[in-house]
Amino acid sequence: ALCGGGGGKASKQVLLPHAPAICGVLARHVLAKNAPLAELASTTLGLLSANASFRKEMVSNAARSGLSALIQLLGRADAGGRDVLLPNALAAIHNCSLLPDALSIIASEETASALLPMLAGPPNLARRAAAVLAKVVVRVPRAIGMILEGGALKSLVASLVSEGAAHEAAENAPRVVDVTDVAEGDADAEEEEEAEAEDM
């Protein structure tokens, strides 16, 4: 149900007391050799990272609750993870990067090195890799040299153009507003919007 996004915010609120245990199990599964299991774990971490409390758990206990495992995944995932596993892992990492403490874990030359080849991947992967890489270069100046020296600049520009086109298409698309599911007194609605969580 979590992986499918069922229940939205209400489901996540019910699970908050169990956040450490849930994130710990998912962190182990995201590195599983069983691809479907790893993909489900990655997708679920991506969805949960849109919630401020789960995001805080993933960062404050990074070694056992998700963020470190997601970073580790970047360096070891093969081409088979380019459609689901890596894009969703990157969405989770990007959401976690909203917390300042996460940047010391995310921003490294190793992360930059793992991200650069992804810029030439499918649009969904390239877009999310570029978003995380943008956070890395702010903290790791050497990453800029890696982009230029490794020939990744062309892929980065192509990814930005693709992202711009996607935003333009979304702005011009007809909008349907569902007014039947409006929650009253939603205390952290603004914080949820700030997460800029990406659809899985």
Protein backbone atom coordinates (compact mmCIF):
# COMPACT_ATOMS: atom_id res chain seq x y z
CA ALA A 1 0.00 0.00 0.00
CA LEU A 2 2.85 2.39 0.80
CA CYS A 3 4.58 1.65 -2.46
CA GLY A 4 1.43 2.39 -4.39
CA GLY A 5 0.95 5.66 -2.52
CA GLY A 6 -2.39 4.50 -1.12
CA GLY A 7 -3.90 6.57 1.65
CA GLY A 8 -1.53 9.51 1.18
CA LYS A 9 -0.78 11.66 4.21
CA ALA A 10 -3.16 9.84 6.54
CA SER A 11 -1.35 6.53 6.02
CA LYS A 12 2.02 8.13 6.73
CA GLN A 13 0.72 9.74 9.94
CA VAL A 14 -0.40 6.36 11.27
CA LEU A 15 3.05 4.94 10.52
CA LEU A 16 5.07 7.74 12.13
CA PRO A 17 5.61 5.97 15.48
CA HIS A 18 7.15 3.09 13.54
CA ALA A 19 9.36 5.24 11.30
CA PRO A 20 12.72 3.95 12.64
CA ALA A 21 11.77 0.30 12.18
CA ILE A 22 10.19 0.86 8.76
CA CYS A 23 13.12 2.88 7.44
CA GLY A 24 15.60 0.37 8.84
CA VAL A 25 13.96 -2.56 7.03
CA LEU A 26 13.67 -0.60 3.77
CA ALA A 27 17.33 0.48 3.99
CA ARG A 28 18.37 -3.18 4.08
CA HIS A 29 16.03 -4.18 1.27
CA VAL A 30 17.09 -1.35 -1.05
CA LEU A 31 20.49 -3.08 -1.35
CA ALA A 32 18.98 -6.53 -1.89
CA LYS A 33 20.17 -8.67 -4.80
CA ASN A 34 16.53 -9.44 -5.54
CA ALA A 35 15.72 -6.65 -8.04
CA PRO A 36 11.93 -6.46 -7.48
CA LEU A 37 12.44 -6.24 -3.70
CA ALA A 38 15.08 -3.51 -4.08
CA GLU A 39 12.81 -1.57 -6.45
CA LEU A 40 9.88 -1.71 -4.01
CA ALA A 41 12.12 -0.56 -1.16
CA SER A 42 13.51 2.29 -3.25
CA THR A 43 10.04 3.39 -4.34
CA THR A 44 8.71 3.28 -0.78
CA LEU A 45 11.65 5.28 0.58
CA GLY A 46 11.00 7.81 -2.17
CA LEU A 47 7.36 8.13 -1.16
CA LEU A 48 8.10 8.29 2.57
CA SER A 49 10.83 10.89 2.09
CA ALA A 50 8.12 13.35 1.04
CA ASN A 51 7.01 13.35 4.68
CA ALA A 52 9.05 15.63 6.96
CA SER A 53 9.17 13.14 9.85
CA PHE A 54 10.26 10.20 7.73
CA ARG A 55 12.77 12.42 5.95
CA LYS A 56 14.25 13.45 9.30
CA GLU A 57 14.52 9.80 10.37
CA MET A 58 16.27 8.86 7.10
CA VAL A 59 18.85 11.62 7.63
CA SER A 60 19.38 11.68 11.40
CA ASN A 61 19.91 7.91 11.50
CA ALA A 62 21.39 7.72 8.01
CA ALA A 63 23.54 4.66 8.66
CA ARG A 64 20.56 2.45 9.47
CA SER A 65 17.49 4.31 8.21
CA GLY A 66 17.96 4.83 4.52
CA LEU A 67 20.10 7.71 3.31
CA SER A 68 23.45 5.93 3.51
CA ALA A 69 22.03 2.85 1.78
CA LEU A 70 20.59 5.01 -1.00
CA ILE A 71 23.97 6.70 -1.53
CA GLN A 72 25.67 3.31 -1.53
CA LEU A 73 23.17 2.09 -4.10
CA LEU A 74 24.24 4.76 -6.59
CA GLY A 75 27.69 3.25 -6.93
CA ARG A 76 26.65 -0.35 -7.33
CA ALA A 77 23.43 -0.38 -9.34
CA ASP A 78 23.76 -1.65 -12.89
CA ALA A 79 21.85 -0.70 -16.04
CA GLY A 80 18.95 -2.86 -14.88
CA GLY A 81 18.05 -0.28 -12.25
CA ARG A 82 17.73 2.68 -14.61
CA ASP A 83 13.95 2.56 -14.97
CA VAL A 84 12.69 2.23 -11.37
CA LEU A 85 15.38 1.56 -8.78
CA LEU A 86 17.73 4.48 -9.43
CA PRO A 87 15.17 7.20 -10.30
CA ASN A 88 13.23 6.50 -7.11
CA ALA A 89 16.40 6.32 -5.03
CA LEU A 90 17.42 9.70 -6.45
CA ALA A 91 13.99 11.15 -5.66
CA ALA A 92 14.43 10.06 -2.04
CA ILE A 93 17.97 11.47 -1.89
CA HIS A 94 16.78 14.76 -3.36
CA ASN A 95 13.97 15.02 -0.81
CA CYS A 96 16.42 14.26 2.01
CA SER A 97 18.73 16.99 0.73
CA LEU A 98 16.20 19.56 1.96
CA LEU A 99 17.70 18.93 5.41
CA PRO A 100 21.11 20.63 5.87
CA ASP A 101 22.52 17.63 7.75
CA ALA A 102 21.94 15.45 4.70
CA LEU A 103 24.32 17.42 2.51
CA SER A 104 27.39 16.29 4.43
CA ILE A 105 26.39 12.71 3.59
CA ILE A 106 25.31 13.30 0.01
CA ALA A 107 27.96 15.76 -1.21
CA SER A 108 31.13 13.88 -2.11
CA GLU A 109 33.31 13.17 -5.13
CA GLU A 110 32.14 9.54 -4.97
CA THR A 111 28.51 10.62 -5.30
CA ALA A 112 29.36 12.95 -8.17
CA SER A 113 31.27 10.18 -9.92
CA ALA A 114 28.29 7.81 -9.60
CA LEU A 115 25.86 10.45 -10.87
CA LEU A 116 27.74 11.59 -13.97
CA PRO A 117 27.00 8.50 -16.14
CA MET A 118 23.33 8.77 -15.22
CA LEU A 119 23.09 12.12 -16.99
CA ALA A 120 23.21 10.24 -20.28
CA GLY A 121 20.48 7.82 -19.16
CA PRO A 122 16.71 7.87 -19.74
CA PRO A 123 15.08 11.30 -19.17
CA ASN A 124 13.56 10.35 -15.80
CA LEU A 125 16.91 9.13 -14.50
CA ALA A 126 18.93 12.00 -16.01
CA ARG A 127 16.58 14.64 -14.59
CA ARG A 128 16.80 13.28 -11.05
CA ALA A 129 20.56 12.73 -11.28
CA ALA A 130 20.98 16.36 -12.37
CA ALA A 131 18.89 17.57 -9.42
CA VAL A 132 21.06 15.71 -6.91
CA LEU A 133 24.28 16.65 -8.71
CA ALA A 134 23.30 20.31 -8.38
CA LYS A 135 23.32 19.86 -4.60
CA VAL A 136 26.72 18.13 -4.75
CA VAL A 137 28.56 20.79 -6.79
CA VAL A 138 27.65 23.48 -4.26
CA ARG A 139 29.61 21.60 -1.58
CA VAL A 140 32.24 19.86 -3.73
CA PRO A 141 33.93 22.27 -6.18
CA ARG A 142 35.93 19.37 -7.66
CA ALA A 143 32.63 18.01 -9.02
CA ILE A 144 32.51 20.90 -11.49
CA GLY A 145 35.87 19.82 -12.89
CA MET A 146 34.62 16.23 -13.08
CA ILE A 147 31.64 17.38 -15.16
CA LEU A 148 33.86 19.32 -17.56
CA GLU A 149 36.69 16.79 -17.80
CA GLY A 150 34.45 13.76 -18.17
CA GLY A 151 32.44 15.16 -21.05
CA ALA A 152 29.21 15.09 -19.04
CA LEU A 153 28.40 18.74 -19.76
CA LYS A 154 26.56 17.89 -23.00
CA SER A 155 24.40 15.34 -21.18
CA LEU A 156 23.75 17.78 -18.35
CA VAL A 157 22.58 20.50 -20.76
CA ALA A 158 20.40 17.98 -22.62
CA SER A 159 18.85 16.93 -19.31
CA LEU A 160 18.11 20.55 -18.38
CA VAL A 161 16.51 21.19 -21.79
CA SER A 162 14.39 18.05 -21.36
CA GLU A 163 13.36 19.19 -17.88
CA GLY A 164 12.39 22.62 -19.21
CA ALA A 165 10.30 21.04 -21.95
CA ALA A 166 8.57 18.78 -19.43
CA HIS A 167 7.69 21.74 -17.19
CA GLU A 168 6.38 23.71 -20.16
CA ALA A 169 4.20 20.77 -21.24
CA ALA A 170 2.89 20.40 -17.68
CA GLU A 171 2.01 24.10 -17.49
CA ASN A 172 0.05 23.89 -20.74
CA ALA A 173 -1.77 20.68 -19.79
CA PRO A 174 -5.41 20.91 -18.70
CA ARG A 175 -5.79 20.86 -14.93
CA VAL A 176 -8.36 18.86 -13.00
CA VAL A 177 -8.85 19.76 -9.35
CA ASP A 178 -10.42 17.21 -7.01
CA VAL A 179 -12.14 19.15 -4.25
CA THR A 180 -13.65 16.10 -2.57
CA ASP A 181 -10.50 15.08 -0.69
CA VAL A 182 -9.48 18.31 1.05
CA ALA A 183 -8.21 17.70 4.60
CA GLU A 184 -8.99 20.33 7.22
CA GLY A 185 -6.44 21.50 9.76
CA ASP A 186 -3.48 19.97 7.94
CA ALA A 187 -0.69 21.26 10.17
CA ASP A 188 2.27 20.44 7.98
CA ALA A 189 0.79 20.91 4.52
CA GLU A 190 3.31 23.64 3.77
CA GLU A 191 6.19 21.43 4.81
CA GLU A 192 4.92 18.64 2.57
CA GLU A 193 4.78 21.02 -0.39
CA GLU A 194 8.29 22.23 0.42
CA ALA A 195 9.55 18.68 0.04
CA GLU A 196 8.94 18.92 -3.71
CA ALA A 197 8.46 15.19 -3.62
CA GLU A 198 8.50 13.62 -7.04
CA ASP A 199 5.89 11.18 -8.24
CA MET A 200 7.19 7.64 -8.22
